[in-house]
Amino acid sequence: MYMFIDAVKFTETWWSIGSGEKKKLLGIVNEYISDKRPLLFRKYISLRYDSDMLFWIAVEDPEDIAKFRVYINSFLYPYLKEIFSMLSIYEPSPYVNSDIKQFTYPPKKYFIAYPMKKEVEWYLLPFEERKRIMAEHIGMARSHPEAKDILSYTTYSFGLGDQEYVVIYETDSLLQWSHVTEKLREAQARRWIVKEEPILVGKLFSDDDLAPSRLDRGYSK
């Protein structure tokens, strides 16, 4: 399974059109995606300063990702531009016995994703040593009292991007996510990590996000 995360920024043209037109344009994108029948397609309002929306896609054939990029960049050309993207493969971890998730569950409210790269010395360690170190990390994550809500996906990007992994999470609480992440800074595996940025954070998109706010309507107390 191939995964693709695309961070885009809307142009001034997008912000100048009404919420109805925005909804119509994104609806056409949804129709296009539905026809392609991806394993997963979700949209998020970005909570970063340098992007406005995040697309998360999972497909069996990477050619579908190429077609999606051509479509988005052609159809929405006046309205957005790509800022950052990551391509990876989702498959079972060599360090733990687990099946890959099939996305049959409802999406959670928040999405977090970032690239990860490790030092060369990590890969020169014996496999059993790496497995032991990762077991500690995984055990700390699973046993944390605030981790029950968090879904995680470790995907692999060797030879496909500047990073080696793309780590993806879903959660209903950014507060709990931050607490778990802080605790995992104590894991031994942190010694070998050299890259974990940019961190993309988004809120699950809904049509209500396109409605004018009270400030847009000239609301004042």
C-alpha atoms as a PDB file:
ATOM      1  CA  MET A   1       0.000   0.000   0.000  1.00  0.00           C
ATOM      2  CA  TYR A   2       1.373   3.389  -1.021  1.00  0.00           C
ATOM      3  CA  MET A   3       0.688   6.508   1.010  1.00  0.00           C
ATOM      4  CA  PHE A   4       0.955  10.091  -0.122  1.00  0.00           C
ATOM      5  CA  ILE A   5       0.651  13.223   2.001  1.00  0.00           C
ATOM      6  CA  ASP A   6       0.316  16.546   0.226  1.00  0.00           C
ATOM      7  CA  ALA A   7       0.455  19.935   1.975  1.00  0.00           C
ATOM      8  CA  VAL A   8      -0.972  22.779  -0.104  1.00  0.00           C
ATOM      9  CA  LYS A   9      -1.392  26.512   0.332  1.00  0.00           C
ATOM     10  CA  PHE A  10      -4.316  28.417  -1.148  1.00  0.00           C
ATOM     11  CA  THR A  11      -3.718  31.506  -3.267  1.00  0.00           C
ATOM     12  CA  GLU A  12      -5.374  34.907  -2.924  1.00  0.00           C
ATOM     13  CA  THR A  13      -7.806  33.820  -5.641  1.00  0.00           C
ATOM     14  CA  TRP A  14      -9.134  31.041  -3.400  1.00  0.00           C
ATOM     15  CA  TRP A  15      -9.720  33.371  -0.480  1.00  0.00           C
ATOM     16  CA  SER A  16     -11.531  35.859  -2.713  1.00  0.00           C
ATOM     17  CA  ILE A  17     -14.295  33.449  -3.805  1.00  0.00           C
ATOM     18  CA  GLY A  18     -17.343  32.607  -1.698  1.00  0.00           C
ATOM     19  CA  SER A  19     -17.800  29.582   0.539  1.00  0.00           C
ATOM     20  CA  GLY A  20     -20.343  28.126  -1.906  1.00  0.00           C
ATOM     21  CA  GLU A  21     -17.825  28.164  -4.749  1.00  0.00           C
ATOM     22  CA  LYS A  22     -15.150  26.668  -2.489  1.00  0.00           C
ATOM     23  CA  LYS A  23     -17.516  23.852  -1.504  1.00  0.00           C
ATOM     24  CA  LYS A  24     -18.356  23.207  -5.162  1.00  0.00           C
ATOM     25  CA  LEU A  25     -14.700  22.979  -6.180  1.00  0.00           C
ATOM     26  CA  LEU A  26     -13.789  20.586  -3.349  1.00  0.00           C
ATOM     27  CA  GLY A  27     -16.901  18.552  -4.151  1.00  0.00           C
ATOM     28  CA  ILE A  28     -15.632  18.031  -7.693  1.00  0.00           C
ATOM     29  CA  VAL A  29     -12.306  16.872  -6.263  1.00  0.00           C
ATOM     30  CA  ASN A  30     -14.180  14.404  -4.040  1.00  0.00           C
ATOM     31  CA  GLU A  31     -16.096  13.067  -7.058  1.00  0.00           C
ATOM     32  CA  TYR A  32     -12.860  12.558  -8.980  1.00  0.00           C
ATOM     33  CA  ILE A  33     -11.275  10.703  -6.068  1.00  0.00           C
ATOM     34  CA  SER A  34     -14.363   8.545  -5.512  1.00  0.00           C
ATOM     35  CA  ASP A  35     -14.219   7.397  -9.135  1.00  0.00           C
ATOM     36  CA  LYS A  36     -10.620   6.250  -8.589  1.00  0.00           C
ATOM     37  CA  ARG A  37     -11.645   4.252  -5.481  1.00  0.00           C
ATOM     38  CA  PRO A  38      -8.561   4.806  -3.330  1.00  0.00           C
ATOM     39  CA  LEU A  39      -8.082   2.806  -0.149  1.00  0.00           C
ATOM     40  CA  LEU A  40      -8.131   6.101   1.741  1.00  0.00           C
ATOM     41  CA  PHE A  41      -8.673   9.788   0.971  1.00  0.00           C
ATOM     42  CA  ARG A  42      -8.976  12.401   3.716  1.00  0.00           C
ATOM     43  CA  LYS A  43      -8.695  16.181   3.873  1.00  0.00           C
ATOM     44  CA  TYR A  44      -7.535  18.262   6.815  1.00  0.00           C
ATOM     45  CA  ILE A  45      -7.367  21.953   7.631  1.00  0.00           C
ATOM     46  CA  SER A  46      -3.674  22.550   8.320  1.00  0.00           C
ATOM     47  CA  LEU A  47      -2.678  24.006  11.672  1.00  0.00           C
ATOM     48  CA  ARG A  48       0.738  25.093  10.370  1.00  0.00           C
ATOM     49  CA  TYR A  49       1.594  28.604   9.224  1.00  0.00           C
ATOM     50  CA  ASP A  50       2.978  27.510   5.847  1.00  0.00           C
ATOM     51  CA  SER A  51       0.082  25.398   4.500  1.00  0.00           C
ATOM     52  CA  ASP A  52      -3.714  25.551   4.478  1.00  0.00           C
ATOM     53  CA  MET A  53      -4.875  22.009   3.683  1.00  0.00           C
ATOM     54  CA  LEU A  54      -3.458  18.492   3.937  1.00  0.00           C
ATOM     55  CA  PHE A  55      -4.443  15.580   1.682  1.00  0.00           C
ATOM     56  CA  TRP A  56      -3.845  12.002   2.880  1.00  0.00           C
ATOM     57  CA  ILE A  57      -4.164   9.264   0.267  1.00  0.00           C
ATOM     58  CA  ALA A  58      -3.588   5.486   0.306  1.00  0.00           C
ATOM     59  CA  VAL A  59      -3.596   3.474  -2.931  1.00  0.00           C
ATOM     60  CA  GLU A  60      -2.401   0.138  -4.278  1.00  0.00           C
ATOM     61  CA  ASP A  61      -0.813   1.619  -7.402  1.00  0.00           C
ATOM     62  CA  PRO A  62       1.557   4.630  -7.177  1.00  0.00           C
ATOM     63  CA  GLU A  63       0.395   5.712 -10.643  1.00  0.00           C
ATOM     64  CA  ASP A  64      -2.847   6.802  -8.967  1.00  0.00           C
ATOM     65  CA  ILE A  65      -0.831   9.256  -6.885  1.00  0.00           C
ATOM     66  CA  ALA A  66       0.734  10.705 -10.024  1.00  0.00           C
ATOM     67  CA  LYS A  67      -2.732  11.089 -11.573  1.00  0.00           C
ATOM     68  CA  PHE A  68      -4.030  12.764  -8.425  1.00  0.00           C
ATOM     69  CA  ARG A  69      -1.197  15.314  -8.462  1.00  0.00           C
ATOM     70  CA  VAL A  70      -1.781  16.107 -12.138  1.00  0.00           C
ATOM     71  CA  TYR A  71      -5.497  16.525 -11.513  1.00  0.00           C
ATOM     72  CA  ILE A  72      -5.144  18.710  -8.433  1.00  0.00           C
ATOM     73  CA  ASN A  73      -2.483  20.921  -9.971  1.00  0.00           C
ATOM     74  CA  SER A  74      -4.456  21.278 -13.219  1.00  0.00           C
ATOM     75  CA  PHE A  75      -8.017  21.633 -11.925  1.00  0.00           C
ATOM     76  CA  LEU A  76      -7.189  23.840  -8.940  1.00  0.00           C
ATOM     77  CA  TYR A  77      -4.221  25.616 -10.534  1.00  0.00           C
ATOM     78  CA  PRO A  78      -5.522  29.163  -9.905  1.00  0.00           C
ATOM     79  CA  TYR A  79      -6.342  28.339  -6.296  1.00  0.00           C
ATOM     80  CA  LEU A  80      -3.490  26.424  -4.688  1.00  0.00           C
ATOM     81  CA  LYS A  81       0.134  25.384  -4.862  1.00  0.00           C
ATOM     82  CA  GLU A  82       1.929  22.430  -3.310  1.00  0.00           C
ATOM     83  CA  ILE A  83       4.215  23.254  -0.381  1.00  0.00           C
ATOM     84  CA  PHE A  84       5.461  19.853   0.761  1.00  0.00           C
ATOM     85  CA  SER A  85       4.713  16.193   0.069  1.00  0.00           C
ATOM     86  CA  MET A  86       5.801  12.726   1.208  1.00  0.00           C
ATOM     87  CA  LEU A  87       5.522   9.356  -0.537  1.00  0.00           C
ATOM     88  CA  SER A  88       5.898   6.115   1.430  1.00  0.00           C
ATOM     89  CA  ILE A  89       4.961   2.431   1.601  1.00  0.00           C
ATOM     90  CA  TYR A  90       2.816   1.016   4.385  1.00  0.00           C
ATOM     91  CA  GLU A  91       3.819  -2.513   5.343  1.00  0.00           C
ATOM     92  CA  PRO A  92       4.360  -4.531   8.555  1.00  0.00           C
ATOM     93  CA  SER A  93       7.211  -3.494  10.843  1.00  0.00           C
ATOM     94  CA  PRO A  94      10.231  -5.840  11.083  1.00  0.00           C
ATOM     95  CA  TYR A  95      10.363  -5.154  14.830  1.00  0.00           C
ATOM     96  CA  VAL A  96       6.868  -6.142  15.939  1.00  0.00           C
ATOM     97  CA  ASN A  97       4.225  -8.645  14.858  1.00  0.00           C
ATOM     98  CA  SER A  98       1.240  -6.621  13.660  1.00  0.00           C
ATOM     99  CA  ASP A  99      -1.025  -6.320  10.643  1.00  0.00           C
ATOM    100  CA  ILE A 100      -1.433  -3.124   8.678  1.00  0.00           C
ATOM    101  CA  LYS A 101      -4.676  -1.241   9.320  1.00  0.00           C
ATOM    102  CA  GLN A 102      -7.382  -1.412   6.662  1.00  0.00           C
ATOM    103  CA  PHE A 103      -9.070   1.963   7.341  1.00  0.00           C
ATOM    104  CA  THR A 104     -12.509   0.519   8.056  1.00  0.00           C
ATOM    105  CA  TYR A 105     -12.971   2.758  11.109  1.00  0.00           C
ATOM    106  CA  PRO A 106     -14.229   6.372  11.286  1.00  0.00           C
ATOM    107  CA  PRO A 107     -11.451   8.985  10.999  1.00  0.00           C
ATOM    108  CA  LYS A 108     -10.301  10.733  14.139  1.00  0.00           C
ATOM    109  CA  LYS A 109     -10.397  14.498  14.539  1.00  0.00           C
ATOM    110  CA  TYR A 110      -6.677  15.271  14.192  1.00  0.00           C
ATOM    111  CA  PHE A 111      -3.890  14.125  11.887  1.00  0.00           C
ATOM    112  CA  ILE A 112      -0.136  14.339  12.503  1.00  0.00           C
ATOM    113  CA  ALA A 113       2.594  13.310  10.076  1.00  0.00           C
ATOM    114  CA  TYR A 114       6.306  13.923   9.756  1.00  0.00           C
ATOM    115  CA  PRO A 115       9.387  12.543   8.002  1.00  0.00           C
ATOM    116  CA  MET A 116      11.984  10.626   9.980  1.00  0.00           C
ATOM    117  CA  LYS A 117      15.610   9.796   9.276  1.00  0.00           C
ATOM    118  CA  LYS A 118      18.147   7.911  11.399  1.00  0.00           C
ATOM    119  CA  GLU A 119      21.926   7.963  11.574  1.00  0.00           C
ATOM    120  CA  VAL A 120      23.922   5.424   9.560  1.00  0.00           C
ATOM    121  CA  GLU A 121      25.139   3.883  12.839  1.00  0.00           C
ATOM    122  CA  TRP A 122      21.589   2.697  13.567  1.00  0.00           C
ATOM    123  CA  TYR A 123      21.574   0.378  10.574  1.00  0.00           C
ATOM    124  CA  LEU A 124      25.016  -0.958  11.464  1.00  0.00           C
ATOM    125  CA  LEU A 125      23.743  -2.273  14.796  1.00  0.00           C
ATOM    126  CA  PRO A 126      22.849  -5.992  14.906  1.00  0.00           C
ATOM    127  CA  PHE A 127      19.182  -6.572  14.123  1.00  0.00           C
ATOM    128  CA  GLU A 128      18.473  -8.101  17.545  1.00  0.00           C
ATOM    129  CA  GLU A 129      19.908  -4.999  19.224  1.00  0.00           C
ATOM    130  CA  ARG A 130      17.725  -2.746  17.109  1.00  0.00           C
ATOM    131  CA  LYS A 131      14.738  -4.942  17.892  1.00  0.00           C
ATOM    132  CA  ARG A 132      15.409  -4.658  21.626  1.00  0.00           C
ATOM    133  CA  ILE A 133      15.678  -0.867  21.437  1.00  0.00           C
ATOM    134  CA  MET A 134      12.484  -0.563  19.410  1.00  0.00           C
ATOM    135  CA  ALA A 135      10.665  -2.893  21.826  1.00  0.00           C
ATOM    136  CA  GLU A 136      11.364  -0.384  24.593  1.00  0.00           C
ATOM    137  CA  HIS A 137      10.046   2.476  22.465  1.00  0.00           C
ATOM    138  CA  ILE A 138       6.907   0.590  21.420  1.00  0.00           C
ATOM    139  CA  GLY A 139       6.296  -0.587  24.977  1.00  0.00           C
ATOM    140  CA  MET A 140       6.527   2.965  26.332  1.00  0.00           C
ATOM    141  CA  ALA A 141       4.015   4.171  23.737  1.00  0.00           C
ATOM    142  CA  ARG A 142       1.511   1.380  24.271  1.00  0.00           C
ATOM    143  CA  SER A 143       1.627   1.542  28.061  1.00  0.00           C
ATOM    144  CA  HIS A 144       1.166   5.300  28.315  1.00  0.00           C
ATOM    145  CA  PRO A 145      -2.245   6.031  29.895  1.00  0.00           C
ATOM    146  CA  GLU A 146      -3.041   8.695  27.296  1.00  0.00           C
ATOM    147  CA  ALA A 147      -2.088   6.615  24.239  1.00  0.00           C
ATOM    148  CA  LYS A 148      -5.292   4.569  23.908  1.00  0.00           C
ATOM    149  CA  ASP A 149      -6.878   7.141  21.620  1.00  0.00           C
ATOM    150  CA  ILE A 150      -3.897   7.354  19.253  1.00  0.00           C
ATOM    151  CA  LEU A 151      -3.631   5.360  16.015  1.00  0.00           C
ATOM    152  CA  SER A 152      -0.140   5.119  14.517  1.00  0.00           C
ATOM    153  CA  TYR A 153       1.227   4.129  11.133  1.00  0.00           C
ATOM    154  CA  THR A 154       4.934   3.729  10.457  1.00  0.00           C
ATOM    155  CA  THR A 155       5.501   3.836   6.712  1.00  0.00           C
ATOM    156  CA  TYR A 156       8.716   3.369   4.761  1.00  0.00           C
ATOM    157  CA  SER A 157      10.285   5.765   2.305  1.00  0.00           C
ATOM    158  CA  PHE A 158      13.736   4.288   1.589  1.00  0.00           C
ATOM    159  CA  GLY A 159      14.782   5.431  -1.867  1.00  0.00           C
ATOM    160  CA  LEU A 160      11.488   7.286  -2.373  1.00  0.00           C
ATOM    161  CA  GLY A 161      12.125  10.549  -0.537  1.00  0.00           C
ATOM    162  CA  ASP A 162      14.650  12.566   1.421  1.00  0.00           C
ATOM    163  CA  GLN A 163      13.514  10.744   4.557  1.00  0.00           C
ATOM    164  CA  GLU A 164      13.574   7.028   5.427  1.00  0.00           C
ATOM    165  CA  TYR A 165      10.221   6.846   7.195  1.00  0.00           C
ATOM    166  CA  VAL A 166       6.968   8.780   7.220  1.00  0.00           C
ATOM    167  CA  VAL A 167       5.274   8.493  10.602  1.00  0.00           C
ATOM    168  CA  ILE A 168       1.530   9.149  10.700  1.00  0.00           C
ATOM    169  CA  TYR A 169      -0.870   9.461  13.627  1.00  0.00           C
ATOM    170  CA  GLU A 170      -4.578  10.005  14.181  1.00  0.00           C
ATOM    171  CA  THR A 171      -6.007  11.216  17.486  1.00  0.00           C
ATOM    172  CA  ASP A 172      -9.013  12.955  18.989  1.00  0.00           C
ATOM    173  CA  SER A 173      -6.854  14.893  21.463  1.00  0.00           C
ATOM    174  CA  LEU A 174      -3.786  16.943  20.607  1.00  0.00           C
ATOM    175  CA  LEU A 175      -3.174  17.377  24.331  1.00  0.00           C
ATOM    176  CA  GLN A 176      -2.870  13.632  24.903  1.00  0.00           C
ATOM    177  CA  TRP A 177      -0.759  13.275  21.776  1.00  0.00           C
ATOM    178  CA  SER A 178       1.675  15.914  23.029  1.00  0.00           C
ATOM    179  CA  HIS A 179       1.966  14.225  26.428  1.00  0.00           C
ATOM    180  CA  VAL A 180       2.751  10.825  24.864  1.00  0.00           C
ATOM    181  CA  THR A 181       5.285  12.389  22.501  1.00  0.00           C
ATOM    182  CA  GLU A 182       7.045  14.135  25.372  1.00  0.00           C
ATOM    183  CA  LYS A 183       7.356  10.848  27.284  1.00  0.00           C
ATOM    184  CA  LEU A 184       8.806   9.071  24.266  1.00  0.00           C
ATOM    185  CA  ARG A 185      11.673  11.546  24.218  1.00  0.00           C
ATOM    186  CA  GLU A 186      13.098   9.404  27.035  1.00  0.00           C
ATOM    187  CA  ALA A 187      13.345   6.276  24.840  1.00  0.00           C
ATOM    188  CA  GLN A 188      16.809   5.022  23.826  1.00  0.00           C
ATOM    189  CA  ALA A 189      15.786   5.015  20.167  1.00  0.00           C
ATOM    190  CA  ARG A 190      15.961   8.818  20.215  1.00  0.00           C
ATOM    191  CA  ARG A 191      19.789   8.619  20.152  1.00  0.00           C
ATOM    192  CA  TRP A 192      19.828   7.777  16.440  1.00  0.00           C
ATOM    193  CA  ILE A 193      17.139  10.092  15.074  1.00  0.00           C
ATOM    194  CA  VAL A 194      18.485  13.002  13.038  1.00  0.00           C
ATOM    195  CA  LYS A 195      15.348  14.323  11.302  1.00  0.00           C
ATOM    196  CA  GLU A 196      11.715  14.768  12.346  1.00  0.00           C
ATOM    197  CA  GLU A 197      10.504  17.865  10.570  1.00  0.00           C
ATOM    198  CA  PRO A 198       8.379  19.412   9.277  1.00  0.00           C
ATOM    199  CA  ILE A 199       5.606  18.196  11.554  1.00  0.00           C
ATOM    200  CA  LEU A 200       2.281  18.471   9.718  1.00  0.00           C
ATOM    201  CA  VAL A 201      -0.787  18.838  11.948  1.00  0.00           C
ATOM    202  CA  GLY A 202      -4.342  19.091  10.692  1.00  0.00           C
ATOM    203  CA  LYS A 203      -7.970  19.020  11.785  1.00  0.00           C
ATOM    204  CA  LEU A 204     -10.364  16.760   9.867  1.00  0.00           C
ATOM    205  CA  PHE A 205     -12.052  18.866   7.196  1.00  0.00           C
ATOM    206  CA  SER A 206     -15.802  19.453   7.100  1.00  0.00           C
ATOM    207  CA  ASP A 207     -17.962  21.717   4.963  1.00  0.00           C
ATOM    208  CA  ASP A 208     -18.552  23.885   8.024  1.00  0.00           C
ATOM    209  CA  ASP A 209     -14.924  24.999   7.744  1.00  0.00           C
ATOM    210  CA  LEU A 210     -15.901  26.859   4.561  1.00  0.00           C
ATOM    211  CA  ALA A 211     -18.718  28.814   6.171  1.00  0.00           C
ATOM    212  CA  PRO A 212     -18.009  32.507   6.838  1.00  0.00           C
ATOM    213  CA  SER A 213     -17.094  33.217  10.437  1.00  0.00           C
ATOM    214  CA  ARG A 214     -18.811  35.832  12.535  1.00  0.00           C
ATOM    215  CA  LEU A 215     -15.803  38.070  11.932  1.00  0.00           C
ATOM    216  CA  ASP A 216     -16.373  37.693   8.175  1.00  0.00           C
ATOM    217  CA  ARG A 217     -19.939  38.915   8.686  1.00  0.00           C
ATOM    218  CA  GLY A 218     -18.741  41.964  10.571  1.00  0.00           C
ATOM    219  CA  TYR A 219     -19.632  40.513  13.965  1.00  0.00           C
ATOM    220  CA  SER A 220     -18.561  42.468  16.996  1.00  0.00           C
ATOM    221  CA  LYS A 221     -19.385  42.261  20.684  1.00  0.00           C
END
